[in-house]
């Protein structure tokens, strides 16, 4: 298979976070994600997402640790 470029991120959360609590925390920061399984979250970027918005999302997630 060839590598595929995509704007979809699917990842697992753990520790004190469930996909639902992770989603709810990010929603308070204005960041929308979807809980898709008991351990996984789905994020999708869009052409309207700026580098500053992506950096804010990373900062919010880093602060959750």
PDB file of N, CA and C in Angstrom:
ATOM      1  N   UNK A   1       0.830  -1.179   0.000  1.00  0.00           N
ATOM      2  CA  UNK A   1       0.000   0.000   0.000  1.00  0.00           C
ATOM      3  C   UNK A   1       0.876   1.244   0.000  1.00  0.00           C
ATOM      4  N   UNK A   2       0.399   2.264  -0.653  1.00  0.00           N
ATOM      5  CA  UNK A   2       1.086   3.548  -0.645  1.00  0.00           C
ATOM      6  C   UNK A   2       0.608   4.374   0.541  1.00  0.00           C
ATOM      7  N   UNK A   3       1.457   5.250   1.066  1.00  0.00           N
ATOM      8  CA  UNK A   3       1.018   6.136   2.147  1.00  0.00           C
ATOM      9  C   UNK A   3      -0.138   7.015   1.674  1.00  0.00           C
ATOM     10  N   UNK A   4      -1.005   7.329   2.604  1.00  0.00           N
ATOM     11  CA  UNK A   4      -2.177   8.143   2.291  1.00  0.00           C
ATOM     12  C   UNK A   4      -2.117   9.422   3.104  1.00  0.00           C
ATOM     13  N   UNK A   5      -2.324  10.556   2.446  1.00  0.00           N
ATOM     14  CA  UNK A   5      -2.440  11.816   3.169  1.00  0.00           C
ATOM     15  C   UNK A   5      -3.894  11.998   3.561  1.00  0.00           C
ATOM     16  N   UNK A   6      -4.109  12.399   4.805  1.00  0.00           N
ATOM     17  CA  UNK A   6      -5.469  12.566   5.290  1.00  0.00           C
ATOM     18  C   UNK A   6      -5.519  13.682   6.313  1.00  0.00           C
ATOM     19  N   UNK A   7      -6.699  14.211   6.537  1.00  0.00           N
ATOM     20  CA  UNK A   7      -6.906  15.224   7.554  1.00  0.00           C
ATOM     21  C   UNK A   7      -7.620  14.630   8.766  1.00  0.00           C
ATOM     22  N   UNK A   8      -7.643  13.310   8.855  1.00  0.00           N
ATOM     23  CA  UNK A   8      -8.312  12.619   9.955  1.00  0.00           C
ATOM     24  C   UNK A   8      -7.265  12.041  10.899  1.00  0.00           C
ATOM     25  N   UNK A   9      -7.437  12.299  12.186  1.00  0.00           N
ATOM     26  CA  UNK A   9      -6.579  11.718  13.226  1.00  0.00           C
ATOM     27  C   UNK A   9      -7.447  10.843  14.113  1.00  0.00           C
ATOM     28  N   UNK A  10      -7.036   9.618  14.340  1.00  0.00           N
ATOM     29  CA  UNK A  10      -7.707   8.726  15.280  1.00  0.00           C
ATOM     30  C   UNK A  10      -6.646   8.267  16.261  1.00  0.00           C
ATOM     31  N   UNK A  11      -6.943   8.440  17.552  1.00  0.00           N
ATOM     32  CA  UNK A  11      -5.965   8.066  18.560  1.00  0.00           C
ATOM     33  C   UNK A  11      -6.659   7.602  19.824  1.00  0.00           C
ATOM     34  N   UNK A  12      -5.891   6.906  20.661  1.00  0.00           N
ATOM     35  CA  UNK A  12      -6.417   6.396  21.920  1.00  0.00           C
ATOM     36  C   UNK A  12      -6.092   7.357  23.049  1.00  0.00           C
ATOM     37  N   UNK A  13      -7.001   7.438  23.996  1.00  0.00           N
ATOM     38  CA  UNK A  13      -6.761   8.197  25.220  1.00  0.00           C
ATOM     39  C   UNK A  13      -6.717   7.206  26.372  1.00  0.00           C
ATOM     40  N   UNK A  14      -6.050   7.591  27.437  1.00  0.00           N
ATOM     41  CA  UNK A  14      -5.921   6.688  28.572  1.00  0.00           C
ATOM     42  C   UNK A  14      -5.737   7.454  29.859  1.00  0.00           C
ATOM     43  N   UNK A  15      -5.272   6.745  30.866  1.00  0.00           N
ATOM     44  CA  UNK A  15      -5.098   7.370  32.172  1.00  0.00           C
ATOM     45  C   UNK A  15      -6.449   7.785  32.725  1.00  0.00           C
ATOM     46  N   UNK A  16      -6.516   9.013  33.171  1.00  0.00           N
ATOM     47  CA  UNK A  16      -7.768   9.511  33.761  1.00  0.00           C
ATOM     48  C   UNK A  16      -8.807   9.865  32.706  1.00  0.00           C
ATOM     49  N   UNK A  17      -8.427   9.847  31.446  1.00  0.00           N
ATOM     50  CA  UNK A  17      -9.304  10.300  30.374  1.00  0.00           C
ATOM     51  C   UNK A  17      -9.993   9.144  29.662  1.00  0.00           C
ATOM     52  N   UNK A  18     -11.284   9.312  29.446  1.00  0.00           N
ATOM     53  CA  UNK A  18     -12.028   8.457  28.531  1.00  0.00           C
ATOM     54  C   UNK A  18     -12.276   9.300  27.285  1.00  0.00           C
ATOM     55  N   UNK A  19     -12.657   8.702  26.195  1.00  0.00           N
ATOM     56  CA  UNK A  19     -12.974   9.519  25.026  1.00  0.00           C
ATOM     57  C   UNK A  19     -14.051  10.574  25.306  1.00  0.00           C
ATOM     58  N   UNK A  20     -15.011  10.251  26.137  1.00  0.00           N
ATOM     59  CA  UNK A  20     -16.089  11.205  26.441  1.00  0.00           C
ATOM     60  C   UNK A  20     -15.578  12.354  27.306  1.00  0.00           C
ATOM     61  N   UNK A  21     -14.795  12.074  28.345  1.00  0.00           N
ATOM     62  CA  UNK A  21     -14.283  13.163  29.182  1.00  0.00           C
ATOM     63  C   UNK A  21     -13.277  14.007  28.415  1.00  0.00           C
ATOM     64  N   UNK A  22     -12.495  13.374  27.539  1.00  0.00           N
ATOM     65  CA  UNK A  22     -11.553  14.096  26.677  1.00  0.00           C
ATOM     66  C   UNK A  22     -12.323  15.035  25.755  1.00  0.00           C
ATOM     67  N   UNK A  23     -13.353  14.521  25.107  1.00  0.00           N
ATOM     68  CA  UNK A  23     -14.197  15.325  24.208  1.00  0.00           C
ATOM     69  C   UNK A  23     -14.827  16.498  24.946  1.00  0.00           C
ATOM     70  N   UNK A  24     -15.378  16.226  26.123  1.00  0.00           N
ATOM     71  CA  UNK A  24     -16.053  17.280  26.885  1.00  0.00           C
ATOM     72  C   UNK A  24     -15.084  18.367  27.332  1.00  0.00           C
ATOM     73  N   UNK A  25     -13.882  17.972  27.740  1.00  0.00           N
ATOM     74  CA  UNK A  25     -12.876  18.957  28.147  1.00  0.00           C
ATOM     75  C   UNK A  25     -12.499  19.855  26.976  1.00  0.00           C
ATOM     76  N   UNK A  26     -12.237  19.247  25.826  1.00  0.00           N
ATOM     77  CA  UNK A  26     -11.874  20.040  24.657  1.00  0.00           C
ATOM     78  C   UNK A  26     -13.020  20.934  24.206  1.00  0.00           C
ATOM     79  N   UNK A  27     -14.244  20.461  24.336  1.00  0.00           N
ATOM     80  CA  UNK A  27     -15.402  21.269  23.931  1.00  0.00           C
ATOM     81  C   UNK A  27     -15.461  22.568  24.724  1.00  0.00           C
ATOM     82  N   UNK A  28     -15.064  22.528  25.996  1.00  0.00           N
ATOM     83  CA  UNK A  28     -15.039  23.749  26.815  1.00  0.00           C
ATOM     84  C   UNK A  28     -14.036  24.767  26.286  1.00  0.00           C
ATOM     85  N   UNK A  29     -13.050  24.287  25.529  1.00  0.00           N
ATOM     86  CA  UNK A  29     -12.025  25.148  24.924  1.00  0.00           C
ATOM     87  C   UNK A  29     -12.379  25.515  23.476  1.00  0.00           C
ATOM     88  N   UNK A  30     -13.577  25.093  23.033  1.00  0.00           N
ATOM     89  CA  UNK A  30     -14.005  25.397  21.680  1.00  0.00           C
ATOM     90  C   UNK A  30     -13.427  24.465  20.625  1.00  0.00           C
ATOM     91  N   UNK A  31     -12.947  23.303  21.062  1.00  0.00           N
ATOM     92  CA  UNK A  31     -12.341  22.324  20.160  1.00  0.00           C
ATOM     93  C   UNK A  31     -13.267  21.124  20.086  1.00  0.00           C
ATOM     94  N   UNK A  32     -13.694  20.784  18.880  1.00  0.00           N
ATOM     95  CA  UNK A  32     -14.639  19.687  18.711  1.00  0.00           C
ATOM     96  C   UNK A  32     -13.930  18.428  18.244  1.00  0.00           C
ATOM     97  N   UNK A  33     -14.174  17.330  18.957  1.00  0.00           N
ATOM     98  CA  UNK A  33     -13.680  16.009  18.584  1.00  0.00           C
ATOM     99  C   UNK A  33     -14.825  15.024  18.779  1.00  0.00           C
ATOM    100  N   UNK A  34     -14.635  13.805  18.300  1.00  0.00           N
ATOM    101  CA  UNK A  34     -15.686  12.794  18.418  1.00  0.00           C
ATOM    102  C   UNK A  34     -15.142  11.560  19.129  1.00  0.00           C
ATOM    103  N   UNK A  35     -15.862  11.102  20.142  1.00  0.00           N
ATOM    104  CA  UNK A  35     -15.549   9.824  20.786  1.00  0.00           C
ATOM    105  C   UNK A  35     -16.106   8.731  19.882  1.00  0.00           C
ATOM    106  N   UNK A  36     -15.242   7.800  19.426  1.00  0.00           N
ATOM    107  CA  UNK A  36     -15.710   6.801  18.462  1.00  0.00           C
ATOM    108  C   UNK A  36     -15.651   5.364  18.979  1.00  0.00           C
ATOM    109  N   UNK A  37     -15.068   5.167  20.148  1.00  0.00           N
ATOM    110  CA  UNK A  37     -15.020   3.830  20.747  1.00  0.00           C
ATOM    111  C   UNK A  37     -14.749   4.011  22.232  1.00  0.00           C
ATOM    112  N   UNK A  38     -14.700   2.934  22.986  1.00  0.00           N
ATOM    113  CA  UNK A  38     -14.392   3.063  24.420  1.00  0.00           C
ATOM    114  C   UNK A  38     -12.996   3.621  24.715  1.00  0.00           C
ATOM    115  N   UNK A  39     -12.108   3.639  23.701  1.00  0.00           N
ATOM    116  CA  UNK A  39     -10.748   4.139  23.926  1.00  0.00           C
ATOM    117  C   UNK A  39     -10.286   5.163  22.896  1.00  0.00           C
ATOM    118  N   UNK A  40     -11.049   5.386  21.843  1.00  0.00           N
ATOM    119  CA  UNK A  40     -10.557   6.202  20.732  1.00  0.00           C
ATOM    120  C   UNK A  40     -11.337   7.494  20.504  1.00  0.00           C
ATOM    121  N   UNK A  41     -10.584   8.482  20.027  1.00  0.00           N
ATOM    122  CA  UNK A  41     -11.121   9.793  19.677  1.00  0.00           C
ATOM    123  C   UNK A  41     -10.769  10.064  18.214  1.00  0.00           C
ATOM    124  N   UNK A  42     -11.652  10.753  17.528  1.00  0.00           N
ATOM    125  CA  UNK A  42     -11.424  11.121  16.131  1.00  0.00           C
ATOM    126  C   UNK A  42     -11.421  12.635  16.016  1.00  0.00           C
ATOM    127  N   UNK A  43     -10.385  13.169  15.363  1.00  0.00           N
ATOM    128  CA  UNK A  43     -10.288  14.593  15.085  1.00  0.00           C
ATOM    129  C   UNK A  43     -10.145  14.765  13.576  1.00  0.00           C
ATOM    130  N   UNK A  44     -10.770  15.784  13.035  1.00  0.00           N
ATOM    131  CA  UNK A  44     -10.691  16.066  11.609  1.00  0.00           C
ATOM    132  C   UNK A  44     -10.365  17.543  11.430  1.00  0.00           C
ATOM    133  N   UNK A  45      -9.326  17.823  10.667  1.00  0.00           N
ATOM    134  CA  UNK A  45      -9.018  19.216  10.358  1.00  0.00           C
ATOM    135  C   UNK A  45      -9.756  19.614   9.092  1.00  0.00           C
ATOM    136  N   UNK A  46      -9.871  20.888   8.890  1.00  0.00           N
ATOM    137  CA  UNK A  46     -10.576  21.430   7.737  1.00  0.00           C
ATOM    138  C   UNK A  46      -9.717  22.526   7.137  1.00  0.00           C
ATOM    139  N   UNK A  47      -9.959  22.878   5.905  1.00  0.00           N
ATOM    140  CA  UNK A  47      -9.135  23.900   5.258  1.00  0.00           C
ATOM    141  C   UNK A  47      -9.204  25.249   5.958  1.00  0.00           C
ATOM    142  N   UNK A  48     -10.226  25.472   6.773  1.00  0.00           N
ATOM    143  CA  UNK A  48     -10.345  26.733   7.503  1.00  0.00           C
ATOM    144  C   UNK A  48      -9.549  26.750   8.812  1.00  0.00           C
ATOM    145  N   UNK A  49      -8.941  25.630   9.187  1.00  0.00           N
ATOM    146  CA  UNK A  49      -8.145  25.561  10.412  1.00  0.00           C
ATOM    147  C   UNK A  49      -6.795  26.216  10.145  1.00  0.00           C
ATOM    148  N   UNK A  50      -6.467  27.210  10.966  1.00  0.00           N
ATOM    149  CA  UNK A  50      -5.205  27.928  10.797  1.00  0.00           C
ATOM    150  C   UNK A  50      -4.096  27.250  11.610  1.00  0.00           C
ATOM    151  N   UNK A  51      -2.840  27.543  11.300  1.00  0.00           N
ATOM    152  CA  UNK A  51      -1.752  27.013  12.129  1.00  0.00           C
ATOM    153  C   UNK A  51      -1.903  27.437  13.596  1.00  0.00           C
ATOM    154  N   UNK A  52      -2.375  28.634  13.842  1.00  0.00           N
ATOM    155  CA  UNK A  52      -2.573  29.089  15.223  1.00  0.00           C
ATOM    156  C   UNK A  52      -3.631  28.249  15.931  1.00  0.00           C
ATOM    157  N   UNK A  53      -4.675  27.883  15.236  1.00  0.00           N
ATOM    158  CA  UNK A  53      -5.716  27.040  15.833  1.00  0.00           C
ATOM    159  C   UNK A  53      -5.179  25.643  16.140  1.00  0.00           C
ATOM    160  N   UNK A  54      -4.383  25.107  15.236  1.00  0.00           N
ATOM    161  CA  UNK A  54      -3.777  23.794  15.464  1.00  0.00           C
ATOM    162  C   UNK A  54      -2.837  23.849  16.662  1.00  0.00           C
ATOM    163  N   UNK A  55      -2.062  24.925  16.777  1.00  0.00           N
ATOM    164  CA  UNK A  55      -1.152  25.072  17.923  1.00  0.00           C
ATOM    165  C   UNK A  55      -1.926  25.194  19.225  1.00  0.00           C
ATOM    166  N   UNK A  56      -3.029  25.944  19.227  1.00  0.00           N
ATOM    167  CA  UNK A  56      -3.861  26.055  20.435  1.00  0.00           C
ATOM    168  C   UNK A  56      -4.360  24.673  20.851  1.00  0.00           C
ATOM    169  N   UNK A  57      -4.803  23.877  19.888  1.00  0.00           N
ATOM    170  CA  UNK A  57      -5.283  22.530  20.195  1.00  0.00           C
ATOM    171  C   UNK A  57      -4.169  21.710  20.833  1.00  0.00           C
ATOM    172  N   UNK A  58      -2.982  21.767  20.282  1.00  0.00           N
ATOM    173  CA  UNK A  58      -1.841  21.053  20.856  1.00  0.00           C
ATOM    174  C   UNK A  58      -1.537  21.526  22.266  1.00  0.00           C
ATOM    175  N   UNK A  59      -1.585  22.827  22.495  1.00  0.00           N
ATOM    176  CA  UNK A  59      -1.321  23.388  23.825  1.00  0.00           C
ATOM    177  C   UNK A  59      -2.355  22.903  24.831  1.00  0.00           C
ATOM    178  N   UNK A  60      -3.620  22.903  24.447  1.00  0.00           N
ATOM    179  CA  UNK A  60      -4.688  22.445  25.346  1.00  0.00           C
ATOM    180  C   UNK A  60      -4.477  20.978  25.700  1.00  0.00           C
ATOM    181  N   UNK A  61      -4.158  20.161  24.703  1.00  0.00           N
ATOM    182  CA  UNK A  61      -3.944  18.736  24.951  1.00  0.00           C
ATOM    183  C   UNK A  61      -2.717  18.515  25.824  1.00  0.00           C
ATOM    184  N   UNK A  62      -1.629  19.250  25.572  1.00  0.00           N
ATOM    185  CA  UNK A  62      -0.424  19.129  26.423  1.00  0.00           C
ATOM    186  C   UNK A  62      -0.746  19.478  27.875  1.00  0.00           C
ATOM    187  N   UNK A  63      -1.566  20.474  28.087  1.00  0.00           N
ATOM    188  CA  UNK A  63      -1.910  20.900  29.446  1.00  0.00           C
ATOM    189  C   UNK A  63      -2.764  19.869  30.179  1.00  0.00           C
ATOM    190  N   UNK A  64      -3.355  18.955  29.454  1.00  0.00           N
ATOM    191  CA  UNK A  64      -4.208  17.923  30.072  1.00  0.00           C
ATOM    192  C   UNK A  64      -3.374  16.839  30.764  1.00  0.00           C
ATOM    193  N   UNK A  65      -2.116  16.723  30.429  1.00  0.00           N
ATOM    194  CA  UNK A  65      -1.275  15.637  30.963  1.00  0.00           C
ATOM    195  C   UNK A  65      -1.029  15.778  32.444  1.00  0.00           C
TER     196      UNK A  65
END
